[in-house]
N, C-alpha and C. Protein backbone atom coordinates (compact mmCIF):
# COMPACT_ATOMS: atom_id res chain seq x y z
N UNK A 1 104.29 45.24 312.08
CA UNK A 1 105.03 45.41 312.94
C UNK A 1 104.53 46.46 314.04
N UNK A 2 104.19 47.68 313.95
CA UNK A 2 103.42 48.55 314.88
C UNK A 2 102.20 48.66 314.99
N UNK A 3 101.65 48.56 316.16
CA UNK A 3 100.10 48.07 316.45
C UNK A 3 99.85 49.62 317.39
N UNK A 4 98.53 50.26 316.88
CA UNK A 4 98.01 51.06 317.52
C UNK A 4 96.60 50.77 317.33
N UNK A 5 96.13 50.67 319.08
CA UNK A 5 94.40 50.66 318.81
C UNK A 5 93.91 52.05 319.38
N UNK A 6 93.24 52.45 318.52
CA UNK A 6 92.52 53.67 318.65
C UNK A 6 91.51 53.81 319.21
N UNK A 7 90.90 52.65 320.22
CA UNK A 7 89.94 52.76 320.91
C UNK A 7 90.53 52.93 322.70
N UNK A 8 91.52 52.88 322.25
CA UNK A 8 92.24 52.70 323.88
C UNK A 8 92.39 54.32 324.68
N UNK A 9 92.65 53.82 325.39
CA UNK A 9 92.59 55.20 326.46
C UNK A 9 93.88 55.51 326.55
N UNK A 10 94.87 54.75 326.73
CA UNK A 10 96.37 55.05 326.39
C UNK A 10 96.58 56.03 325.47
N UNK A 11 97.61 56.81 325.72
CA UNK A 11 97.84 57.77 324.50
C UNK A 11 98.49 57.25 323.37
N UNK A 12 98.49 57.81 322.25
CA UNK A 12 99.62 57.17 320.79
C UNK A 12 100.44 56.70 320.97
N UNK A 13 101.00 57.55 321.65
CA UNK A 13 102.61 58.38 321.44
C UNK A 13 102.93 56.98 322.60
N UNK A 14 102.36 56.48 323.57
CA UNK A 14 102.90 55.52 324.76
C UNK A 14 102.34 54.25 324.05
N UNK A 15 101.38 53.97 323.20
CA UNK A 15 101.35 52.82 322.74
C UNK A 15 102.51 52.54 321.52
N UNK A 16 102.54 53.41 320.89
CA UNK A 16 103.59 53.43 319.89
C UNK A 16 105.02 52.98 320.20
N UNK A 17 105.53 53.90 321.66
CA UNK A 17 106.46 53.23 322.12
C UNK A 17 106.85 52.04 322.67
N UNK A 18 105.54 51.66 323.29
CA UNK A 18 105.35 50.01 323.91
C UNK A 18 105.43 48.79 322.48
N UNK A 19 105.03 49.63 321.91
CA UNK A 19 105.23 48.45 320.27
C UNK A 19 106.44 48.64 320.30
N UNK A 20 107.06 49.82 319.65
CA UNK A 20 108.46 49.75 319.40
C UNK A 20 109.09 48.81 320.23
N UNK A 21 109.20 49.03 321.24
CA UNK A 21 110.16 47.97 322.59
C UNK A 21 109.78 46.72 322.26
N UNK A 22 108.20 46.82 322.37
CA UNK A 22 107.79 45.06 322.03
C UNK A 22 108.66 44.76 320.80
N UNK A 23 108.62 45.22 319.82
CA UNK A 23 109.08 44.55 318.30
C UNK A 23 110.55 44.22 318.50
N UNK A 24 111.39 45.45 319.20
CA UNK A 24 112.63 45.46 319.54
C UNK A 24 112.77 43.66 320.58
N UNK A 25 112.23 43.57 321.41
CA UNK A 25 111.94 42.70 322.12
C UNK A 25 112.13 41.34 321.71
N UNK A 26 110.90 41.17 320.71
CA UNK A 26 110.82 39.97 319.93
C UNK A 26 111.82 39.98 318.69
N UNK A 27 112.59 40.49 318.52
CA UNK A 27 113.70 40.43 317.27
C UNK A 27 113.00 40.72 316.27
N UNK A 28 111.87 41.47 316.41
CA UNK A 28 111.46 42.41 314.73
C UNK A 28 112.00 43.22 314.40
N UNK A 29 112.60 43.92 315.25
CA UNK A 29 113.10 44.93 315.26
C UNK A 29 114.84 44.63 315.90
N UNK A 30 115.75 44.85 315.22
CA UNK A 30 117.19 44.84 315.70
C UNK A 30 118.08 45.76 315.84
N UNK A 31 119.10 45.53 316.38
CA UNK A 31 119.86 47.08 316.41
C UNK A 31 120.48 47.40 315.24
N UNK A 32 120.32 48.60 315.10
CA UNK A 32 121.34 48.74 313.66
C UNK A 32 119.80 49.32 312.54
N UNK A 33 118.64 48.36 312.59
CA UNK A 33 117.49 48.97 311.47
C UNK A 33 117.13 50.17 311.98
N UNK A 34 116.60 50.45 310.57
CA UNK A 34 116.25 51.85 310.30
C UNK A 34 114.80 51.76 310.48
N UNK A 35 114.22 52.38 311.49
CA UNK A 35 112.83 52.78 311.69
C UNK A 35 112.10 53.81 310.32
N UNK A 36 110.66 53.92 310.06
CA UNK A 36 110.52 54.91 309.07
C UNK A 36 110.57 56.08 309.22
N UNK A 37 110.52 56.87 308.76
CA UNK A 37 110.62 58.48 309.27
C UNK A 37 109.55 58.81 309.65
N UNK A 38 109.57 59.66 310.40
CA UNK A 38 108.28 60.43 311.02
C UNK A 38 107.55 60.36 310.48
N UNK A 39 107.09 61.14 309.11
CA UNK A 39 106.07 61.38 308.00
C UNK A 39 105.75 60.02 307.52
N UNK A 40 106.77 59.15 307.23
CA UNK A 40 106.11 57.66 306.57
C UNK A 40 105.23 56.81 308.00
N UNK A 41 105.77 56.87 309.20
CA UNK A 41 105.11 56.28 309.82
C UNK A 41 104.03 56.73 310.11
N UNK A 42 103.46 58.04 310.25
CA UNK A 42 102.66 58.88 310.80
C UNK A 42 101.34 58.72 309.49
N UNK A 43 101.87 58.73 308.08
CA UNK A 43 100.98 58.39 307.13
C UNK A 43 100.43 56.77 307.23
N UNK A 44 100.93 55.59 307.56
CA UNK A 44 101.02 54.86 307.42
C UNK A 44 99.96 54.32 308.51
N UNK A 45 100.22 54.82 309.94
CA UNK A 45 99.05 54.57 311.05
C UNK A 45 97.87 55.56 311.12
N UNK A 46 97.95 56.26 310.08
CA UNK A 46 96.93 57.50 309.85
C UNK A 46 96.78 58.44 311.23
N UNK A 47 98.22 59.15 311.72
CA UNK A 47 98.20 59.72 312.61
C UNK A 47 98.97 61.00 312.73
N UNK A 48 99.12 61.88 313.50
CA UNK A 48 99.70 63.17 313.41
C UNK A 48 101.15 63.13 313.37
N UNK A 49 102.03 63.50 312.61
CA UNK A 49 103.12 63.28 312.83
C UNK A 49 104.13 63.92 313.73
N UNK A 50 103.32 64.63 314.53
CA UNK A 50 103.72 65.55 316.42
C UNK A 50 103.92 64.21 317.21
N UNK A 51 102.38 63.47 316.89
CA UNK A 51 102.71 62.10 317.99
C UNK A 51 103.91 61.17 317.67
N UNK A 52 104.11 60.72 316.36
CA UNK A 52 105.42 59.79 316.26
C UNK A 52 106.40 60.66 316.56
N UNK A 53 106.63 61.68 316.25
CA UNK A 53 107.98 62.64 316.71
C UNK A 53 107.94 62.46 318.11
N UNK A 54 107.30 62.66 318.65
CA UNK A 54 106.70 62.80 320.79
C UNK A 54 107.52 61.39 320.76
N UNK A 55 106.92 60.34 320.08
CA UNK A 55 107.27 58.98 320.68
C UNK A 55 108.82 58.60 320.21
N UNK A 56 109.30 58.90 319.19
CA UNK A 56 110.98 58.73 318.68
C UNK A 56 111.91 59.35 319.69
N UNK A 57 111.15 60.61 320.35
CA UNK A 57 112.06 61.80 320.79
C UNK A 57 112.55 61.07 322.23
N UNK A 58 110.85 60.22 322.83
CA UNK A 58 111.18 59.62 323.74
C UNK A 58 111.87 58.97 324.36
N UNK A 59 111.73 58.10 322.89
CA UNK A 59 112.63 56.77 322.83
C UNK A 59 114.34 56.97 322.73
N UNK A 60 114.44 58.24 322.01
CA UNK A 60 115.99 58.63 321.43
C UNK A 60 116.57 58.72 323.36
N UNK A 61 115.73 59.82 324.14
CA UNK A 61 115.79 60.03 325.68
C UNK A 61 116.29 58.83 326.52
N UNK A 62 116.05 57.78 326.02
CA UNK A 62 115.86 56.35 327.13
C UNK A 62 116.38 55.44 326.27
N UNK A 63 117.47 56.29 324.98
CA UNK A 63 118.57 55.41 324.68
C UNK A 63 118.06 54.02 323.94
N UNK A 64 116.54 54.26 323.38
CA UNK A 64 116.47 52.86 322.61
C UNK A 64 116.48 53.24 321.14
N UNK A 65 116.30 54.39 320.91
CA UNK A 65 116.89 54.66 319.57
C UNK A 65 117.78 55.94 319.21
N UNK A 66 118.00 55.76 318.32
CA UNK A 66 119.16 56.82 317.53
C UNK A 66 118.88 57.80 316.67
N UNK A 67 119.12 59.03 316.05
CA UNK A 67 118.49 59.52 314.87
C UNK A 67 120.02 60.34 314.57
N UNK A 68 120.37 59.80 313.40
CA UNK A 68 121.07 60.40 312.43
C UNK A 68 121.03 61.61 311.82
N UNK A 69 121.42 62.56 311.74
CA UNK A 69 120.53 64.01 310.61
C UNK A 69 120.98 63.04 309.59
N UNK A 70 120.01 63.25 308.47
CA UNK A 70 120.07 62.62 306.93
C UNK A 70 120.24 61.57 306.83
N UNK A 71 120.75 60.56 308.06
CA UNK A 71 120.16 59.57 307.73
C UNK A 71 119.00 58.53 308.09
N UNK A 72 118.47 59.30 309.11
CA UNK A 72 117.19 58.45 309.54
C UNK A 72 117.42 58.46 310.91
N UNK A 73 116.21 57.36 311.84
CA UNK A 73 116.37 56.67 312.77
C UNK A 73 116.44 55.22 313.04
N UNK A 74 117.40 55.10 314.07
CA UNK A 74 117.70 53.35 314.20
C UNK A 74 117.64 53.01 315.73
N UNK A 75 117.26 51.65 315.33
CA UNK A 75 117.44 51.25 317.21
C UNK A 75 118.70 50.98 317.30
N UNK A 76 119.49 51.62 318.65
CA UNK A 76 120.29 51.46 319.28
C UNK A 76 120.52 50.38 319.66
N UNK A 77 122.41 49.98 319.69
CA UNK A 77 122.78 48.76 320.00
C UNK A 77 122.62 48.51 321.79
N UNK A 78 122.16 47.50 321.79
CA UNK A 78 121.41 47.14 323.63
C UNK A 78 122.96 47.52 324.33
N UNK A 79 123.63 46.85 323.78
CA UNK A 79 125.48 46.43 324.52
C UNK A 79 125.94 47.62 324.83
N UNK A 80 125.26 48.86 324.50
CA UNK A 80 125.99 50.26 324.12
C UNK A 80 125.43 50.94 325.65
N UNK A 81 123.97 50.24 326.23
CA UNK A 81 123.28 50.67 326.93
C UNK A 81 123.51 50.23 328.22
N UNK A 82 124.08 51.01 328.94
CA UNK A 82 123.85 50.71 330.83
C UNK A 82 122.12 50.90 331.13
N UNK A 83 122.49 50.02 332.31
CA UNK A 83 121.07 49.75 333.20
C UNK A 83 120.88 51.12 333.56
N UNK A 84 119.26 51.89 333.48
CA UNK A 84 119.54 53.00 333.47
C UNK A 84 118.66 52.98 334.99
N UNK A 85 119.30 53.11 336.24
CA UNK A 85 118.85 53.37 337.50
C UNK A 85 117.61 53.96 337.63
N UNK A 86 117.80 55.70 336.95
CA UNK A 86 116.81 56.45 337.34
C UNK A 86 115.15 55.92 336.82
N UNK A 87 115.40 55.31 335.43
CA UNK A 87 114.03 54.75 335.16
C UNK A 87 113.76 53.44 335.95
N UNK A 88 114.79 52.57 336.48
CA UNK A 88 113.90 51.64 336.86
C UNK A 88 113.50 52.00 338.63
N UNK A 89 114.32 53.00 339.19
CA UNK A 89 113.27 53.66 340.30
C UNK A 89 112.13 53.79 340.01
N UNK A 90 111.98 54.81 339.07
CA UNK A 90 110.44 55.32 338.25
C UNK A 90 109.49 54.07 338.22
N UNK A 91 110.13 52.71 337.48
CA UNK A 91 109.04 52.03 337.48
C UNK A 91 108.69 51.32 339.00
N UNK A 92 109.85 51.09 339.77
CA UNK A 92 109.40 50.16 341.01
C UNK A 92 108.29 51.44 341.69
N UNK A 93 108.39 52.62 341.66
CA UNK A 93 107.48 53.59 341.85
C UNK A 93 105.74 53.31 341.30
N UNK A 94 106.08 53.10 340.09
CA UNK A 94 104.61 52.63 339.35
C UNK A 94 104.19 50.91 339.82
N UNK A 95 105.19 50.30 340.21
CA UNK A 95 104.67 49.11 340.54
C UNK A 95 104.49 49.41 342.29
N UNK A 96 104.98 49.99 343.24
CA UNK A 96 104.22 50.18 343.73
C UNK A 96 102.94 50.43 344.01
N UNK A 97 102.64 51.24 343.39
CA UNK A 97 101.14 52.56 343.08
C UNK A 97 100.36 50.98 342.90
N UNK A 98 100.53 50.57 341.95
CA UNK A 98 99.82 49.42 341.20
C UNK A 98 99.80 48.39 342.17
N UNK A 99 100.71 48.03 343.62
CA UNK A 99 99.93 47.10 344.12
C UNK A 99 99.05 47.53 345.23
N UNK A 100 99.15 49.12 345.18
CA UNK A 100 98.58 49.62 346.67
C UNK A 100 96.89 49.86 345.85
N UNK A 101 96.86 49.80 344.22
CA UNK A 101 95.46 49.81 343.90
C UNK A 101 94.64 48.43 343.89
N UNK A 102 95.74 47.22 343.59
CA UNK A 102 95.31 45.51 343.72
C UNK A 102 94.72 45.47 345.10
N UNK A 103 95.69 45.85 346.07
CA UNK A 103 94.88 45.54 347.18
C UNK A 103 94.06 46.25 347.72
N UNK A 104 93.94 47.20 346.95
CA UNK A 104 92.41 48.11 347.49
C UNK A 104 91.20 47.24 346.52
N UNK A 105 91.77 46.89 345.78
CA UNK A 105 90.41 45.80 344.96
C UNK A 105 90.69 44.54 345.30
N UNK A 106 91.22 44.23 346.14
CA UNK A 106 90.86 43.09 346.68
C UNK A 106 91.82 41.72 346.00
N UNK A 107 92.93 42.23 345.22
CA UNK A 107 93.92 41.22 344.61
C UNK A 107 94.62 40.73 344.96
N UNK A 108 95.19 39.58 344.95
CA UNK A 108 95.92 38.73 345.80
C UNK A 108 97.21 38.51 344.98
N UNK A 109 97.85 38.47 346.31
CA UNK A 109 99.41 38.44 345.80
C UNK A 109 99.78 37.63 344.70
N UNK A 110 99.01 36.11 344.90
CA UNK A 110 98.83 35.20 343.81
C UNK A 110 98.73 35.59 342.73
N UNK A 111 97.77 36.27 342.69
CA UNK A 111 96.99 36.28 341.41
C UNK A 111 97.73 37.90 340.15
N UNK A 112 98.17 38.47 341.47
CA UNK A 112 99.37 39.92 340.67
C UNK A 112 100.44 38.81 340.12
N UNK A 113 100.87 37.90 341.00
CA UNK A 113 102.38 37.39 340.54
C UNK A 113 102.02 36.66 339.41
N UNK A 114 100.76 35.66 339.36
CA UNK A 114 100.34 35.15 338.04
C UNK A 114 100.18 36.36 336.91
N UNK A 115 99.86 37.17 337.29
CA UNK A 115 99.55 38.06 336.32
C UNK A 115 100.59 38.49 335.43
N UNK A 116 101.61 39.06 336.19
CA UNK A 116 103.12 39.18 335.59
C UNK A 116 103.89 37.93 335.00
N UNK A 117 103.72 37.00 335.53
CA UNK A 117 103.99 35.83 334.80
C UNK A 117 103.60 35.43 333.60
N UNK A 118 102.57 35.91 333.44
CA UNK A 118 101.92 35.84 332.19
C UNK A 118 102.46 36.31 331.48
N UNK A 119 102.21 37.82 331.55
CA UNK A 119 102.72 39.11 330.81
C UNK A 119 104.23 39.01 330.31
N UNK A 120 104.90 38.22 331.06
CA UNK A 120 106.47 38.07 330.81
C UNK A 120 106.51 36.57 329.67
N UNK A 121 105.67 36.33 329.90
CA UNK A 121 105.10 34.75 328.89
C UNK A 121 104.64 35.33 327.98
N UNK A 122 103.86 36.08 327.36
CA UNK A 122 103.51 36.65 326.27
C UNK A 122 104.31 37.39 325.71
N UNK A 123 105.65 38.03 326.44
CA UNK A 123 106.47 38.69 325.69
C UNK A 123 107.63 37.67 325.05
N UNK A 124 107.35 36.60 325.56
CA UNK A 124 108.19 35.48 324.94
C UNK A 124 109.80 35.49 325.75
N UNK A 125 109.33 36.12 327.21
CA UNK A 125 111.02 36.14 327.66
C UNK A 125 110.99 35.81 329.41
N UNK A 126 111.94 35.31 329.76
CA UNK A 126 112.07 35.19 331.40
C UNK A 126 112.89 36.07 332.12
N UNK A 127 112.99 36.24 333.22
CA UNK A 127 114.38 36.54 333.41
C UNK A 127 115.57 36.07 333.91
N UNK A 128 116.59 36.50 333.51
CA UNK A 128 117.98 35.87 333.27
C UNK A 128 118.60 36.01 334.40
N UNK A 129 119.97 35.59 334.73
CA UNK A 129 120.69 35.94 335.81
C UNK A 129 120.85 37.55 335.97
N UNK A 130 121.28 37.75 334.61
CA UNK A 130 121.78 39.20 334.30
C UNK A 130 120.35 40.50 334.79
N UNK A 131 119.39 40.12 334.69
CA UNK A 131 118.07 41.05 335.04
C UNK A 131 117.71 40.64 336.50
N UNK A 132 118.67 40.07 337.33
CA UNK A 132 118.24 39.54 338.82
C UNK A 132 118.35 40.93 339.21
N UNK A 133 117.58 40.71 340.22
CA UNK A 133 117.29 42.24 341.33
C UNK A 133 118.68 42.22 342.24
N UNK A 134 119.43 43.32 342.33
CA UNK A 134 120.86 43.14 343.24
C UNK A 134 120.44 43.52 344.40
N UNK A 135 121.12 43.69 345.35
CA UNK A 135 121.01 43.88 346.82
C UNK A 135 120.66 45.11 346.93
N UNK A 136 120.68 46.27 346.36
CA UNK A 136 120.26 47.66 346.32
C UNK A 136 118.88 47.58 346.20
N UNK A 137 118.17 46.95 345.31
CA UNK A 137 116.76 46.79 344.55
C UNK A 137 115.88 46.62 345.75
């Protein structure tokens, strides 16, 4: 399930969040599935429980997970989630910064597009019509 690269410069909580999101995307975790408790996962991954708690809390704020007191933390049902325009705008800002950095490093648009396509392929998905940009994008 969850994979953490201890040699990565990316913070553990970010790696944990991305890993959980990838598991949901790949169907390893399904809506309604219970995740391990903070303590269980921290013990399994040999990390500080505060790190796991931080990842869970952020994923709850992003409406990926839901915690029910006394029952646990669960994957939230996707159909209950509206498109998060604020997070999408933030993602577009990150992409703009990436494009500037790529241009500075003389990475061509074609090469950058190829990388994007490769990453979508690695996720096992392609963009369907419900994910197509709107005229406001």
